[in-house]
């Protein structure tokens, strides 16, 4: 079964980080980080409903202005997620412009900014109705690992150390449900809105004996109804399978604490998008700048049980040597033997930013 979203890195690996995640069959997308967004069209940006920002360093947040420019004049509420103090950074961006004519815009643009704190989420609202000043008091809700829960997917976060709190994210589809048309016809049931309800309920993994009510409108203007145990109905009209999982990790020190959080967050990911800023031979530089080496990225992907990894966020010092970083990550991904003289041994498979086991 095909996944419902199609993630892709926005920029080449030596440029600003960012992951664009459009949904299949929906005019909707998510963004992970707000670096340079120049490679995304206005049509792409207008699809974005939620943005997940790892931290407010310039290469991860400068794209906020481009997104704001495209959304102005539209009726929209954009949700942004970030680490502690993130709302202050959004407020600073919005305060950088004059809004004396914003009242002439016919549509309202609003930002709901969610800060991820230990055990809770703090939400601050900004609206064009009042020139993007803070709207009302900050709201606090309890939060665990999952920071966004929708019927079709969840997004979770982990706090990493980059000498400031930096968020890593995982996005996971709920149980995938594919309708067997022949099974529906064999039961004498028409297609209709009830199938959407059915799929949503199956994704919640109900008790198989739970009754499910199938209702429909007849051509004569009346209505029809049949009731089935949902487990029995599922066996006859649906195939189910594990949904896709992706993880996004950037700007993290190569510490044991970060490693534990990354591997837990990215466990069994289909794709782990992870920074590999430096070669292992430059480990001392990686430590000073609180970044991962490509070798560490590959080892973390292997330990997490990821099916594949895509390396990004390379230091500019490797311009012209970009293939060396995925080579090193691939060696660690496939083989946990140590490096010799800073070089990965026995790399298997093709080089490139995308590495698959």
C-alpha atoms as a PDB file:
ATOM      1  CA  UNK A   1       0.000   0.000   0.000  1.00  0.00           C
ATOM      2  CA  UNK A   2       1.297   3.396  -0.943  1.00  0.00           C
ATOM      3  CA  UNK A   3       2.030   5.906   1.850  1.00  0.00           C
ATOM      4  CA  UNK A   4      -0.232   8.910   2.209  1.00  0.00           C
ATOM      5  CA  UNK A   5       2.639  11.412   2.244  1.00  0.00           C
ATOM      6  CA  UNK A   6       5.709  11.951   0.059  1.00  0.00           C
ATOM      7  CA  UNK A   7       8.621  13.509   1.988  1.00  0.00           C
ATOM      8  CA  UNK A   8      11.498  15.222   0.206  1.00  0.00           C
ATOM      9  CA  UNK A   9      14.419  17.391   1.259  1.00  0.00           C
ATOM     10  CA  UNK A  10      14.005  20.925  -0.039  1.00  0.00           C
ATOM     11  CA  UNK A  11      17.640  21.806  -0.758  1.00  0.00           C
ATOM     12  CA  UNK A  12      20.927  20.116  -1.694  1.00  0.00           C
ATOM     13  CA  UNK A  13      22.846  18.815   1.345  1.00  0.00           C
ATOM     14  CA  UNK A  14      25.278  21.748   1.562  1.00  0.00           C
ATOM     15  CA  UNK A  15      22.421  24.271   1.720  1.00  0.00           C
ATOM     16  CA  UNK A  16      19.799  25.129   4.353  1.00  0.00           C
ATOM     17  CA  UNK A  17      18.006  22.188   6.002  1.00  0.00           C
ATOM     18  CA  UNK A  18      14.316  21.608   5.401  1.00  0.00           C
ATOM     19  CA  UNK A  19      11.912  18.770   4.680  1.00  0.00           C
ATOM     20  CA  UNK A  20       8.709  19.213   2.659  1.00  0.00           C
ATOM     21  CA  UNK A  21       6.010  16.596   3.240  1.00  0.00           C
ATOM     22  CA  UNK A  22       3.043  16.889   0.853  1.00  0.00           C
ATOM     23  CA  UNK A  23       0.097  14.533   1.226  1.00  0.00           C
ATOM     24  CA  UNK A  24      -1.003  12.266  -1.572  1.00  0.00           C
ATOM     25  CA  UNK A  25      -4.509  13.164  -2.824  1.00  0.00           C
ATOM     26  CA  UNK A  26      -4.794  16.199  -0.499  1.00  0.00           C
ATOM     27  CA  UNK A  27      -3.991  19.871  -0.941  1.00  0.00           C
ATOM     28  CA  UNK A  28      -1.990  19.808   2.258  1.00  0.00           C
ATOM     29  CA  UNK A  29       1.646  19.629   3.351  1.00  0.00           C
ATOM     30  CA  UNK A  30       3.844  19.815   6.448  1.00  0.00           C
ATOM     31  CA  UNK A  31       7.240  21.494   6.759  1.00  0.00           C
ATOM     32  CA  UNK A  32      10.121  20.479   8.973  1.00  0.00           C
ATOM     33  CA  UNK A  33      12.405  23.500   9.454  1.00  0.00           C
ATOM     34  CA  UNK A  34      12.230  26.872   7.751  1.00  0.00           C
ATOM     35  CA  UNK A  35      15.545  27.365   6.001  1.00  0.00           C
ATOM     36  CA  UNK A  36      15.738  28.777   2.467  1.00  0.00           C
ATOM     37  CA  UNK A  37      12.369  27.957   0.852  1.00  0.00           C
ATOM     38  CA  UNK A  38      13.223  29.301  -2.589  1.00  0.00           C
ATOM     39  CA  UNK A  39      12.890  25.896  -4.236  1.00  0.00           C
ATOM     40  CA  UNK A  40       9.262  25.595  -3.135  1.00  0.00           C
ATOM     41  CA  UNK A  41       6.598  27.267  -5.239  1.00  0.00           C
ATOM     42  CA  UNK A  42       3.880  29.516  -3.784  1.00  0.00           C
ATOM     43  CA  UNK A  43       1.464  26.683  -4.558  1.00  0.00           C
ATOM     44  CA  UNK A  44       3.577  24.363  -2.372  1.00  0.00           C
ATOM     45  CA  UNK A  45       3.712  26.865   0.481  1.00  0.00           C
ATOM     46  CA  UNK A  46      -0.023  27.498   0.407  1.00  0.00           C
ATOM     47  CA  UNK A  47      -0.560  23.795   1.158  1.00  0.00           C
ATOM     48  CA  UNK A  48       1.366  23.992   4.433  1.00  0.00           C
ATOM     49  CA  UNK A  49      -0.792  23.610   7.539  1.00  0.00           C
ATOM     50  CA  UNK A  50       1.836  22.805  10.202  1.00  0.00           C
ATOM     51  CA  UNK A  51       5.518  23.712  10.524  1.00  0.00           C
ATOM     52  CA  UNK A  52       7.941  21.970  12.879  1.00  0.00           C
ATOM     53  CA  UNK A  53      11.072  24.028  13.600  1.00  0.00           C
ATOM     54  CA  UNK A  54      14.046  22.359  15.261  1.00  0.00           C
ATOM     55  CA  UNK A  55      15.488  25.647  16.597  1.00  0.00           C
ATOM     56  CA  UNK A  56      15.796  29.301  15.645  1.00  0.00           C
ATOM     57  CA  UNK A  57      19.288  29.422  14.139  1.00  0.00           C
ATOM     58  CA  UNK A  58      19.180  31.460  10.950  1.00  0.00           C
ATOM     59  CA  UNK A  59      19.617  28.524   8.545  1.00  0.00           C
ATOM     60  CA  UNK A  60      16.591  26.797  10.112  1.00  0.00           C
ATOM     61  CA  UNK A  61      14.297  29.809  10.496  1.00  0.00           C
ATOM     62  CA  UNK A  62      15.039  32.422   7.832  1.00  0.00           C
ATOM     63  CA  UNK A  63      12.301  30.996   5.611  1.00  0.00           C
ATOM     64  CA  UNK A  64       9.595  32.243   7.968  1.00  0.00           C
ATOM     65  CA  UNK A  65       9.588  35.558   6.102  1.00  0.00           C
ATOM     66  CA  UNK A  66       9.040  33.873   2.727  1.00  0.00           C
ATOM     67  CA  UNK A  67       6.181  31.821   4.134  1.00  0.00           C
ATOM     68  CA  UNK A  68       4.624  34.893   5.754  1.00  0.00           C
ATOM     69  CA  UNK A  69       4.810  36.785   2.465  1.00  0.00           C
ATOM     70  CA  UNK A  70       2.933  34.072   0.565  1.00  0.00           C
ATOM     71  CA  UNK A  71       0.251  33.629   3.247  1.00  0.00           C
ATOM     72  CA  UNK A  72      -0.584  37.323   3.759  1.00  0.00           C
ATOM     73  CA  UNK A  73      -4.051  38.116   2.487  1.00  0.00           C
ATOM     74  CA  UNK A  74      -5.207  34.506   2.863  1.00  0.00           C
ATOM     75  CA  UNK A  75      -7.737  33.146   5.327  1.00  0.00           C
ATOM     76  CA  UNK A  76      -5.539  30.682   7.192  1.00  0.00           C
ATOM     77  CA  UNK A  77      -4.365  29.468  10.578  1.00  0.00           C
ATOM     78  CA  UNK A  78      -0.807  28.150  10.498  1.00  0.00           C
ATOM     79  CA  UNK A  79       0.484  26.001  13.357  1.00  0.00           C
ATOM     80  CA  UNK A  80       4.166  26.273  14.236  1.00  0.00           C
ATOM     81  CA  UNK A  81       6.001  24.025  16.705  1.00  0.00           C
ATOM     82  CA  UNK A  82       9.372  24.780  18.232  1.00  0.00           C
ATOM     83  CA  UNK A  83      11.538  24.516  21.360  1.00  0.00           C
ATOM     84  CA  UNK A  84      11.189  26.619  24.534  1.00  0.00           C
ATOM     85  CA  UNK A  85      11.123  30.388  23.888  1.00  0.00           C
ATOM     86  CA  UNK A  86      10.123  29.814  20.260  1.00  0.00           C
ATOM     87  CA  UNK A  87       7.119  32.158  20.487  1.00  0.00           C
ATOM     88  CA  UNK A  88       9.488  35.027  21.297  1.00  0.00           C
ATOM     89  CA  UNK A  89      11.365  34.386  18.051  1.00  0.00           C
ATOM     90  CA  UNK A  90       8.119  34.349  16.037  1.00  0.00           C
ATOM     91  CA  UNK A  91       7.011  37.548  17.787  1.00  0.00           C
ATOM     92  CA  UNK A  92      10.323  39.159  16.867  1.00  0.00           C
ATOM     93  CA  UNK A  93       9.888  38.257  13.210  1.00  0.00           C
ATOM     94  CA  UNK A  94       6.360  39.685  13.147  1.00  0.00           C
ATOM     95  CA  UNK A  95       7.447  42.816  14.987  1.00  0.00           C
ATOM     96  CA  UNK A  96       9.980  43.574  12.254  1.00  0.00           C
ATOM     97  CA  UNK A  97       7.285  44.972   9.925  1.00  0.00           C
ATOM     98  CA  UNK A  98       4.760  47.808   9.959  1.00  0.00           C
ATOM     99  CA  UNK A  99       1.171  46.506  10.025  1.00  0.00           C
ATOM    100  CA  UNK A 100      -0.686  49.824   9.847  1.00  0.00           C
ATOM    101  CA  UNK A 101      -2.659  48.699   6.770  1.00  0.00           C
ATOM    102  CA  UNK A 102      -3.312  45.109   7.790  1.00  0.00           C
ATOM    103  CA  UNK A 103      -6.886  46.020   8.818  1.00  0.00           C
ATOM    104  CA  UNK A 104      -7.690  46.587   5.122  1.00  0.00           C
ATOM    105  CA  UNK A 105      -7.082  42.917   4.303  1.00  0.00           C
ATOM    106  CA  UNK A 106     -10.395  41.051   3.963  1.00  0.00           C
ATOM    107  CA  UNK A 107      -9.030  37.761   5.317  1.00  0.00           C
ATOM    108  CA  UNK A 108      -7.482  36.848   8.661  1.00  0.00           C
ATOM    109  CA  UNK A 109      -4.072  35.187   8.920  1.00  0.00           C
ATOM    110  CA  UNK A 110      -3.345  33.627  12.303  1.00  0.00           C
ATOM    111  CA  UNK A 111      -0.363  31.803  13.802  1.00  0.00           C
ATOM    112  CA  UNK A 112      -0.680  29.281  16.603  1.00  0.00           C
ATOM    113  CA  UNK A 113       2.820  28.880  18.044  1.00  0.00           C
ATOM    114  CA  UNK A 114       3.383  25.783  20.174  1.00  0.00           C
ATOM    115  CA  UNK A 115       6.470  25.578  22.399  1.00  0.00           C
ATOM    116  CA  UNK A 116       7.525  22.064  23.413  1.00  0.00           C
ATOM    117  CA  UNK A 117       8.512  21.931  27.096  1.00  0.00           C
ATOM    118  CA  UNK A 118       9.103  18.873  29.314  1.00  0.00           C
ATOM    119  CA  UNK A 119       5.677  17.340  29.848  1.00  0.00           C
ATOM    120  CA  UNK A 120       3.721  20.237  28.398  1.00  0.00           C
ATOM    121  CA  UNK A 121       3.044  22.393  25.361  1.00  0.00           C
ATOM    122  CA  UNK A 122       2.615  26.167  25.615  1.00  0.00           C
ATOM    123  CA  UNK A 123       0.636  27.877  22.875  1.00  0.00           C
ATOM    124  CA  UNK A 124       0.756  31.562  21.933  1.00  0.00           C
ATOM    125  CA  UNK A 125      -1.594  33.068  19.330  1.00  0.00           C
ATOM    126  CA  UNK A 126      -0.897  35.855  16.841  1.00  0.00           C
ATOM    127  CA  UNK A 127      -3.491  37.271  14.452  1.00  0.00           C
ATOM    128  CA  UNK A 128      -3.632  39.852  11.695  1.00  0.00           C
ATOM    129  CA  UNK A 129      -6.816  41.135  13.377  1.00  0.00           C
ATOM    130  CA  UNK A 130      -4.656  42.948  15.923  1.00  0.00           C
ATOM    131  CA  UNK A 131      -1.529  43.565  13.825  1.00  0.00           C
ATOM    132  CA  UNK A 132       0.085  40.299  14.937  1.00  0.00           C
ATOM    133  CA  UNK A 133       0.357  41.259  18.571  1.00  0.00           C
ATOM    134  CA  UNK A 134      -0.068  38.398  21.025  1.00  0.00           C
ATOM    135  CA  UNK A 135      -3.739  37.436  21.214  1.00  0.00           C
ATOM    136  CA  UNK A 136      -4.699  36.521  24.763  1.00  0.00           C
ATOM    137  CA  UNK A 137      -2.720  34.650  27.429  1.00  0.00           C
ATOM    138  CA  UNK A 138      -0.439  31.724  26.668  1.00  0.00           C
ATOM    139  CA  UNK A 139      -2.276  28.385  26.933  1.00  0.00           C
ATOM    140  CA  UNK A 140      -0.650  25.335  28.538  1.00  0.00           C
ATOM    141  CA  UNK A 141      -1.639  21.732  27.862  1.00  0.00           C
ATOM    142  CA  UNK A 142      -0.127  18.440  28.961  1.00  0.00           C
ATOM    143  CA  UNK A 143       1.983  16.750  26.286  1.00  0.00           C
ATOM    144  CA  UNK A 144       4.043  13.602  26.017  1.00  0.00           C
ATOM    145  CA  UNK A 145       6.095  12.493  23.024  1.00  0.00           C
ATOM    146  CA  UNK A 146       3.244  13.057  20.556  1.00  0.00           C
ATOM    147  CA  UNK A 147       2.741  16.760  19.836  1.00  0.00           C
ATOM    148  CA  UNK A 148       0.206  16.400  16.994  1.00  0.00           C
ATOM    149  CA  UNK A 149      -2.350  13.606  16.794  1.00  0.00           C
ATOM    150  CA  UNK A 150      -4.688  13.368  13.802  1.00  0.00           C
ATOM    151  CA  UNK A 151      -6.827  10.493  12.527  1.00  0.00           C
ATOM    152  CA  UNK A 152      -4.301   9.564   9.841  1.00  0.00           C
ATOM    153  CA  UNK A 153      -0.942  10.271  11.495  1.00  0.00           C
ATOM    154  CA  UNK A 154       0.965  11.496  14.530  1.00  0.00           C
ATOM    155  CA  UNK A 155       4.009  13.737  14.930  1.00  0.00           C
ATOM    156  CA  UNK A 156       6.296  13.213  17.923  1.00  0.00           C
ATOM    157  CA  UNK A 157       9.245  15.238  19.169  1.00  0.00           C
ATOM    158  CA  UNK A 158      12.396  14.731  21.213  1.00  0.00           C
ATOM    159  CA  UNK A 159      14.581  17.462  22.708  1.00  0.00           C
ATOM    160  CA  UNK A 160      18.254  17.230  21.726  1.00  0.00           C
ATOM    161  CA  UNK A 161      21.306  19.164  22.887  1.00  0.00           C
ATOM    162  CA  UNK A 162      22.815  21.625  20.401  1.00  0.00           C
ATOM    163  CA  UNK A 163      24.053  23.808  23.231  1.00  0.00           C
ATOM    164  CA  UNK A 164      20.475  25.050  23.132  1.00  0.00           C
ATOM    165  CA  UNK A 165      17.372  22.837  23.064  1.00  0.00           C
ATOM    166  CA  UNK A 166      16.860  21.528  19.523  1.00  0.00           C
ATOM    167  CA  UNK A 167      13.902  19.407  18.469  1.00  0.00           C
ATOM    168  CA  UNK A 168      13.967  16.232  16.413  1.00  0.00           C
ATOM    169  CA  UNK A 169      10.707  14.927  14.956  1.00  0.00           C
ATOM    170  CA  UNK A 170       9.078  11.705  13.814  1.00  0.00           C
ATOM    171  CA  UNK A 171       5.945  11.448  11.670  1.00  0.00           C
ATOM    172  CA  UNK A 172       4.071   8.161  11.524  1.00  0.00           C
ATOM    173  CA  UNK A 173       0.995   7.076   9.615  1.00  0.00           C
ATOM    174  CA  UNK A 174      -1.692   5.262  11.507  1.00  0.00           C
ATOM    175  CA  UNK A 175      -2.597   1.733  10.433  1.00  0.00           C
ATOM    176  CA  UNK A 176      -3.160   1.807   6.668  1.00  0.00           C
ATOM    177  CA  UNK A 177      -6.523   0.572   5.442  1.00  0.00           C
ATOM    178  CA  UNK A 178      -7.212  -0.377   1.818  1.00  0.00           C
ATOM    179  CA  UNK A 179     -10.806  -1.092   0.804  1.00  0.00           C
ATOM    180  CA  UNK A 180     -11.475  -4.244  -1.263  1.00  0.00           C
ATOM    181  CA  UNK A 181     -14.118  -3.132  -3.756  1.00  0.00           C
ATOM    182  CA  UNK A 182     -15.141  -6.690  -4.603  1.00  0.00           C
ATOM    183  CA  UNK A 183     -15.753  -7.399  -0.930  1.00  0.00           C
ATOM    184  CA  UNK A 184     -18.025  -4.378  -0.605  1.00  0.00           C
ATOM    185  CA  UNK A 185     -19.987  -5.478  -3.680  1.00  0.00           C
ATOM    186  CA  UNK A 186     -20.271  -9.070  -2.429  1.00  0.00           C
ATOM    187  CA  UNK A 187     -21.989  -7.815   0.718  1.00  0.00           C
ATOM    188  CA  UNK A 188     -24.413  -5.800  -1.378  1.00  0.00           C
ATOM    189  CA  UNK A 189     -23.199  -2.536   0.097  1.00  0.00           C
ATOM    190  CA  UNK A 190     -22.915   0.732  -1.837  1.00  0.00           C
ATOM    191  CA  UNK A 191     -19.811   2.894  -1.627  1.00  0.00           C
ATOM    192  CA  UNK A 192     -20.319   6.109   0.297  1.00  0.00           C
ATOM    193  CA  UNK A 193     -19.230   8.249   3.254  1.00  0.00           C
ATOM    194  CA  UNK A 194     -19.525   5.275   5.588  1.00  0.00           C
ATOM    195  CA  UNK A 195     -16.263   3.935   4.149  1.00  0.00           C
ATOM    196  CA  UNK A 196     -14.415   6.999   5.444  1.00  0.00           C
ATOM    197  CA  UNK A 197     -15.894   6.409   8.903  1.00  0.00           C
ATOM    198  CA  UNK A 198     -15.011   2.739   8.688  1.00  0.00           C
ATOM    199  CA  UNK A 199     -11.357   3.384   7.759  1.00  0.00           C
ATOM    200  CA  UNK A 200     -10.968   5.954  10.537  1.00  0.00           C
ATOM    201  CA  UNK A 201     -12.416   3.540  13.102  1.00  0.00           C
ATOM    202  CA  UNK A 202     -10.194   0.657  11.965  1.00  0.00           C
ATOM    203  CA  UNK A 203      -7.134   2.889  12.402  1.00  0.00           C
ATOM    204  CA  UNK A 204      -8.116   3.217  16.069  1.00  0.00           C
ATOM    205  CA  UNK A 205      -7.836  -0.597  16.456  1.00  0.00           C
ATOM    206  CA  UNK A 206     -11.279  -1.246  18.003  1.00  0.00           C
ATOM    207  CA  UNK A 207     -12.494  -4.456  19.637  1.00  0.00           C
ATOM    208  CA  UNK A 208     -13.339  -6.863  16.744  1.00  0.00           C
ATOM    209  CA  UNK A 209     -16.808  -7.464  18.194  1.00  0.00           C
ATOM    210  CA  UNK A 210     -17.720  -3.790  18.229  1.00  0.00           C
ATOM    211  CA  UNK A 211     -20.824  -3.154  16.087  1.00  0.00           C
ATOM    212  CA  UNK A 212     -20.337  -0.913  13.075  1.00  0.00           C
ATOM    213  CA  UNK A 213     -23.333   0.738  11.431  1.00  0.00           C
ATOM    214  CA  UNK A 214     -23.248   1.017   7.637  1.00  0.00           C
ATOM    215  CA  UNK A 215     -25.705   3.646   6.408  1.00  0.00           C
ATOM    216  CA  UNK A 216     -26.455   5.017   2.948  1.00  0.00           C
ATOM    217  CA  UNK A 217     -28.968   6.994   0.928  1.00  0.00           C
ATOM    218  CA  UNK A 218     -31.091   5.162  -1.612  1.00  0.00           C
ATOM    219  CA  UNK A 219     -31.861   6.426  -5.107  1.00  0.00           C
ATOM    220  CA  UNK A 220     -35.481   6.871  -4.059  1.00  0.00           C
ATOM    221  CA  UNK A 221     -34.451   9.359  -1.367  1.00  0.00           C
ATOM    222  CA  UNK A 222     -34.738   6.930   1.501  1.00  0.00           C
ATOM    223  CA  UNK A 223     -31.985   5.353   3.571  1.00  0.00           C
ATOM    224  CA  UNK A 224     -30.494   1.924   4.158  1.00  0.00           C
ATOM    225  CA  UNK A 225     -28.667   0.413   7.113  1.00  0.00           C
ATOM    226  CA  UNK A 226     -26.803  -2.767   8.065  1.00  0.00           C
ATOM    227  CA  UNK A 227     -24.839  -3.549  11.216  1.00  0.00           C
ATOM    228  CA  UNK A 228     -21.721  -5.757  11.297  1.00  0.00           C
ATOM    229  CA  UNK A 229     -19.131  -6.710  13.913  1.00  0.00           C
ATOM    230  CA  UNK A 230     -16.311  -4.442  12.788  1.00  0.00           C
ATOM    231  CA  UNK A 231     -13.727  -7.226  12.866  1.00  0.00           C
ATOM    232  CA  UNK A 232     -15.835  -9.418  10.588  1.00  0.00           C
ATOM    233  CA  UNK A 233     -16.510  -6.525   8.219  1.00  0.00           C
ATOM    234  CA  UNK A 234     -12.811  -5.685   8.101  1.00  0.00           C
ATOM    235  CA  UNK A 235     -11.888  -9.244   7.120  1.00  0.00           C
ATOM    236  CA  UNK A 236     -14.309  -9.102   4.178  1.00  0.00           C
ATOM    237  CA  UNK A 237     -13.721  -5.606   2.773  1.00  0.00           C
ATOM    238  CA  UNK A 238     -10.291  -4.351   3.901  1.00  0.00           C
ATOM    239  CA  UNK A 239      -6.568  -4.992   3.886  1.00  0.00           C
ATOM    240  CA  UNK A 240      -4.516  -3.400   6.637  1.00  0.00           C
ATOM    241  CA  UNK A 241      -0.814  -2.719   6.960  1.00  0.00           C
ATOM    242  CA  UNK A 242       1.747  -0.702   8.879  1.00  0.00           C
ATOM    243  CA  UNK A 243       1.897   2.949   7.904  1.00  0.00           C
ATOM    244  CA  UNK A 244       4.998   4.834   6.839  1.00  0.00           C
ATOM    245  CA  UNK A 245       7.284   6.397   9.460  1.00  0.00           C
ATOM    246  CA  UNK A 246       9.864   9.108   8.870  1.00  0.00           C
ATOM    247  CA  UNK A 247      12.173  10.899  11.297  1.00  0.00           C
ATOM    248  CA  UNK A 248      13.967  14.239  10.968  1.00  0.00           C
ATOM    249  CA  UNK A 249      17.117  14.886  13.007  1.00  0.00           C
ATOM    250  CA  UNK A 250      19.437  17.849  12.690  1.00  0.00           C
ATOM    251  CA  UNK A 251      21.924  19.902  14.731  1.00  0.00           C
ATOM    252  CA  UNK A 252      22.696  17.499  17.539  1.00  0.00           C
ATOM    253  CA  UNK A 253      25.847  16.950  19.543  1.00  0.00           C
ATOM    254  CA  UNK A 254      27.296  13.458  19.302  1.00  0.00           C
ATOM    255  CA  UNK A 255      26.577  12.623  22.944  1.00  0.00           C
ATOM    256  CA  UNK A 256      25.238   9.411  24.448  1.00  0.00           C
ATOM    257  CA  UNK A 257      22.144  11.268  25.704  1.00  0.00           C
ATOM    258  CA  UNK A 258      21.345  12.548  22.213  1.00  0.00           C
ATOM    259  CA  UNK A 259      22.023   9.125  20.722  1.00  0.00           C
ATOM    260  CA  UNK A 260      19.515   7.473  23.075  1.00  0.00           C
ATOM    261  CA  UNK A 261      16.822  10.019  22.262  1.00  0.00           C
ATOM    262  CA  UNK A 262      17.425   9.835  18.514  1.00  0.00           C
ATOM    263  CA  UNK A 263      17.314   6.040  18.339  1.00  0.00           C
ATOM    264  CA  UNK A 264      14.126   5.926  20.428  1.00  0.00           C
ATOM    265  CA  UNK A 265      12.418   8.572  18.286  1.00  0.00           C
ATOM    266  CA  UNK A 266      13.539   7.065  14.956  1.00  0.00           C
ATOM    267  CA  UNK A 267      12.981   3.408  15.896  1.00  0.00           C
ATOM    268  CA  UNK A 268      11.977   1.364  12.816  1.00  0.00           C
ATOM    269  CA  UNK A 269      11.653   4.458  10.612  1.00  0.00           C
ATOM    270  CA  UNK A 270      11.236   3.835   6.911  1.00  0.00           C
ATOM    271  CA  UNK A 271      13.375   6.917   6.221  1.00  0.00           C
ATOM    272  CA  UNK A 272      15.613   8.695   8.701  1.00  0.00           C
ATOM    273  CA  UNK A 273      16.496  12.192   7.466  1.00  0.00           C
ATOM    274  CA  UNK A 274      19.577  13.013   9.524  1.00  0.00           C
ATOM    275  CA  UNK A 275      22.387  15.524   9.431  1.00  0.00           C
ATOM    276  CA  UNK A 276      25.924  14.420   8.697  1.00  0.00           C
ATOM    277  CA  UNK A 277      27.719  17.726   8.978  1.00  0.00           C
ATOM    278  CA  UNK A 278      31.316  16.485   9.159  1.00  0.00           C
ATOM    279  CA  UNK A 279      33.504  13.546   8.265  1.00  0.00           C
ATOM    280  CA  UNK A 280      34.781  11.460  11.141  1.00  0.00           C
ATOM    281  CA  UNK A 281      38.294  12.764  10.464  1.00  0.00           C
ATOM    282  CA  UNK A 282      36.967  16.163  11.605  1.00  0.00           C
ATOM    283  CA  UNK A 283      35.394  14.792  14.785  1.00  0.00           C
ATOM    284  CA  UNK A 284      36.980  17.539  16.911  1.00  0.00           C
ATOM    285  CA  UNK A 285      35.222  20.198  14.808  1.00  0.00           C
ATOM    286  CA  UNK A 286      31.926  18.344  15.082  1.00  0.00           C
ATOM    287  CA  UNK A 287      32.285  18.264  18.863  1.00  0.00           C
ATOM    288  CA  UNK A 288      33.084  21.992  19.081  1.00  0.00           C
ATOM    289  CA  UNK A 289      30.068  22.904  16.946  1.00  0.00           C
ATOM    290  CA  UNK A 290      27.656  20.363  18.503  1.00  0.00           C
ATOM    291  CA  UNK A 291      27.002  18.493  15.246  1.00  0.00           C
ATOM    292  CA  UNK A 292      27.015  14.849  14.147  1.00  0.00           C
ATOM    293  CA  UNK A 293      29.534  13.254  11.846  1.00  0.00           C
ATOM    294  CA  UNK A 294      28.352  11.197   8.893  1.00  0.00           C
ATOM    295  CA  UNK A 295      29.729   8.079  10.585  1.00  0.00           C
ATOM    296  CA  UNK A 296      27.651   8.807  13.702  1.00  0.00           C
ATOM    297  CA  UNK A 297      24.559   9.422  11.578  1.00  0.00           C
ATOM    298  CA  UNK A 298      24.928   6.049   9.873  1.00  0.00           C
ATOM    299  CA  UNK A 299      25.512   4.254  13.162  1.00  0.00           C
ATOM    300  CA  UNK A 300      22.426   5.885  14.702  1.00  0.00           C
ATOM    301  CA  UNK A 301      20.305   4.851  11.711  1.00  0.00           C
ATOM    302  CA  UNK A 302      21.522   1.267  12.081  1.00  0.00           C
ATOM    303  CA  UNK A 303      20.903   1.231  15.833  1.00  0.00           C
ATOM    304  CA  UNK A 304      17.390   2.670  15.349  1.00  0.00           C
ATOM    305  CA  UNK A 305      16.553  -0.074  12.854  1.00  0.00           C
ATOM    306  CA  UNK A 306      15.792   2.451  10.107  1.00  0.00           C
ATOM    307  CA  UNK A 307      15.207   0.972   6.667  1.00  0.00           C
ATOM    308  CA  UNK A 308      16.989   3.842   4.917  1.00  0.00           C
ATOM    309  CA  UNK A 309      18.575   7.179   5.665  1.00  0.00           C
ATOM    310  CA  UNK A 310      18.987  10.437   3.801  1.00  0.00           C
ATOM    311  CA  UNK A 311      21.953  12.502   4.836  1.00  0.00           C
ATOM    312  CA  UNK A 312      21.860  16.318   4.696  1.00  0.00           C
ATOM    313  CA  UNK A 313      23.263  19.516   6.253  1.00  0.00           C
ATOM    314  CA  UNK A 314      26.888  19.076   5.099  1.00  0.00           C
ATOM    315  CA  UNK A 315      29.540  21.582   6.128  1.00  0.00           C
ATOM    316  CA  UNK A 316      30.678  23.827   3.268  1.00  0.00           C
ATOM    317  CA  UNK A 317      34.236  22.637   3.857  1.00  0.00           C
ATOM    318  CA  UNK A 318      33.292  19.530   1.823  1.00  0.00           C
ATOM    319  CA  UNK A 319      32.297  21.384  -1.328  1.00  0.00           C
ATOM    320  CA  UNK A 320      33.507  19.182  -4.168  1.00  0.00           C
ATOM    321  CA  UNK A 321      33.814  16.207  -1.789  1.00  0.00           C
ATOM    322  CA  UNK A 322      30.133  15.727  -1.048  1.00  0.00           C
ATOM    323  CA  UNK A 323      30.077  12.000  -1.873  1.00  0.00           C
ATOM    324  CA  UNK A 324      32.522  11.237   0.931  1.00  0.00           C
ATOM    325  CA  UNK A 325      29.916  11.932   3.610  1.00  0.00           C
ATOM    326  CA  UNK A 326      27.246   9.463   2.417  1.00  0.00           C
ATOM    327  CA  UNK A 327      30.031   6.924   1.753  1.00  0.00           C
ATOM    328  CA  UNK A 328      31.053   7.192   5.386  1.00  0.00           C
ATOM    329  CA  UNK A 329      27.448   7.054   6.612  1.00  0.00           C
ATOM    330  CA  UNK A 330      26.762   3.984   4.463  1.00  0.00           C
ATOM    331  CA  UNK A 331      29.734   2.128   5.921  1.00  0.00           C
ATOM    332  CA  UNK A 332      28.476   2.741   9.459  1.00  0.00           C
ATOM    333  CA  UNK A 333      24.890   1.957   8.473  1.00  0.00           C
ATOM    334  CA  UNK A 334      25.825  -1.469   7.119  1.00  0.00           C
ATOM    335  CA  UNK A 335      28.789  -2.355   9.310  1.00  0.00           C
ATOM    336  CA  UNK A 336      29.526  -1.443  12.924  1.00  0.00           C
ATOM    337  CA  UNK A 337      33.250  -2.148  12.735  1.00  0.00           C
ATOM    338  CA  UNK A 338      35.391   0.807  13.885  1.00  0.00           C
ATOM    339  CA  UNK A 339      36.970   3.388  11.626  1.00  0.00           C
ATOM    340  CA  UNK A 340      40.689   3.309  10.857  1.00  0.00           C
ATOM    341  CA  UNK A 341      42.516   6.602  10.598  1.00  0.00           C
ATOM    342  CA  UNK A 342      39.195   8.389  10.306  1.00  0.00           C
ATOM    343  CA  UNK A 343      38.169   6.430   7.171  1.00  0.00           C
ATOM    344  CA  UNK A 344      35.176   4.143   6.935  1.00  0.00           C
ATOM    345  CA  UNK A 345      36.071   0.549   6.043  1.00  0.00           C
ATOM    346  CA  UNK A 346      34.273  -1.854   3.685  1.00  0.00           C
ATOM    347  CA  UNK A 347      31.520   0.460   2.474  1.00  0.00           C
ATOM    348  CA  UNK A 348      28.869  -1.447   0.554  1.00  0.00           C
ATOM    349  CA  UNK A 349      26.491  -0.017  -2.052  1.00  0.00           C
ATOM    350  CA  UNK A 350      26.411   3.184  -4.092  1.00  0.00           C
ATOM    351  CA  UNK A 351      27.395   6.591  -2.779  1.00  0.00           C
ATOM    352  CA  UNK A 352      24.879   9.398  -2.549  1.00  0.00           C
ATOM    353  CA  UNK A 353      22.847  11.343  -0.054  1.00  0.00           C
ATOM    354  CA  UNK A 354      20.204   8.587   0.040  1.00  0.00           C
ATOM    355  CA  UNK A 355      21.355   5.368   1.686  1.00  0.00           C
ATOM    356  CA  UNK A 356      19.205   2.228   1.806  1.00  0.00           C
ATOM    357  CA  UNK A 357      19.911  -1.055   3.471  1.00  0.00           C
END
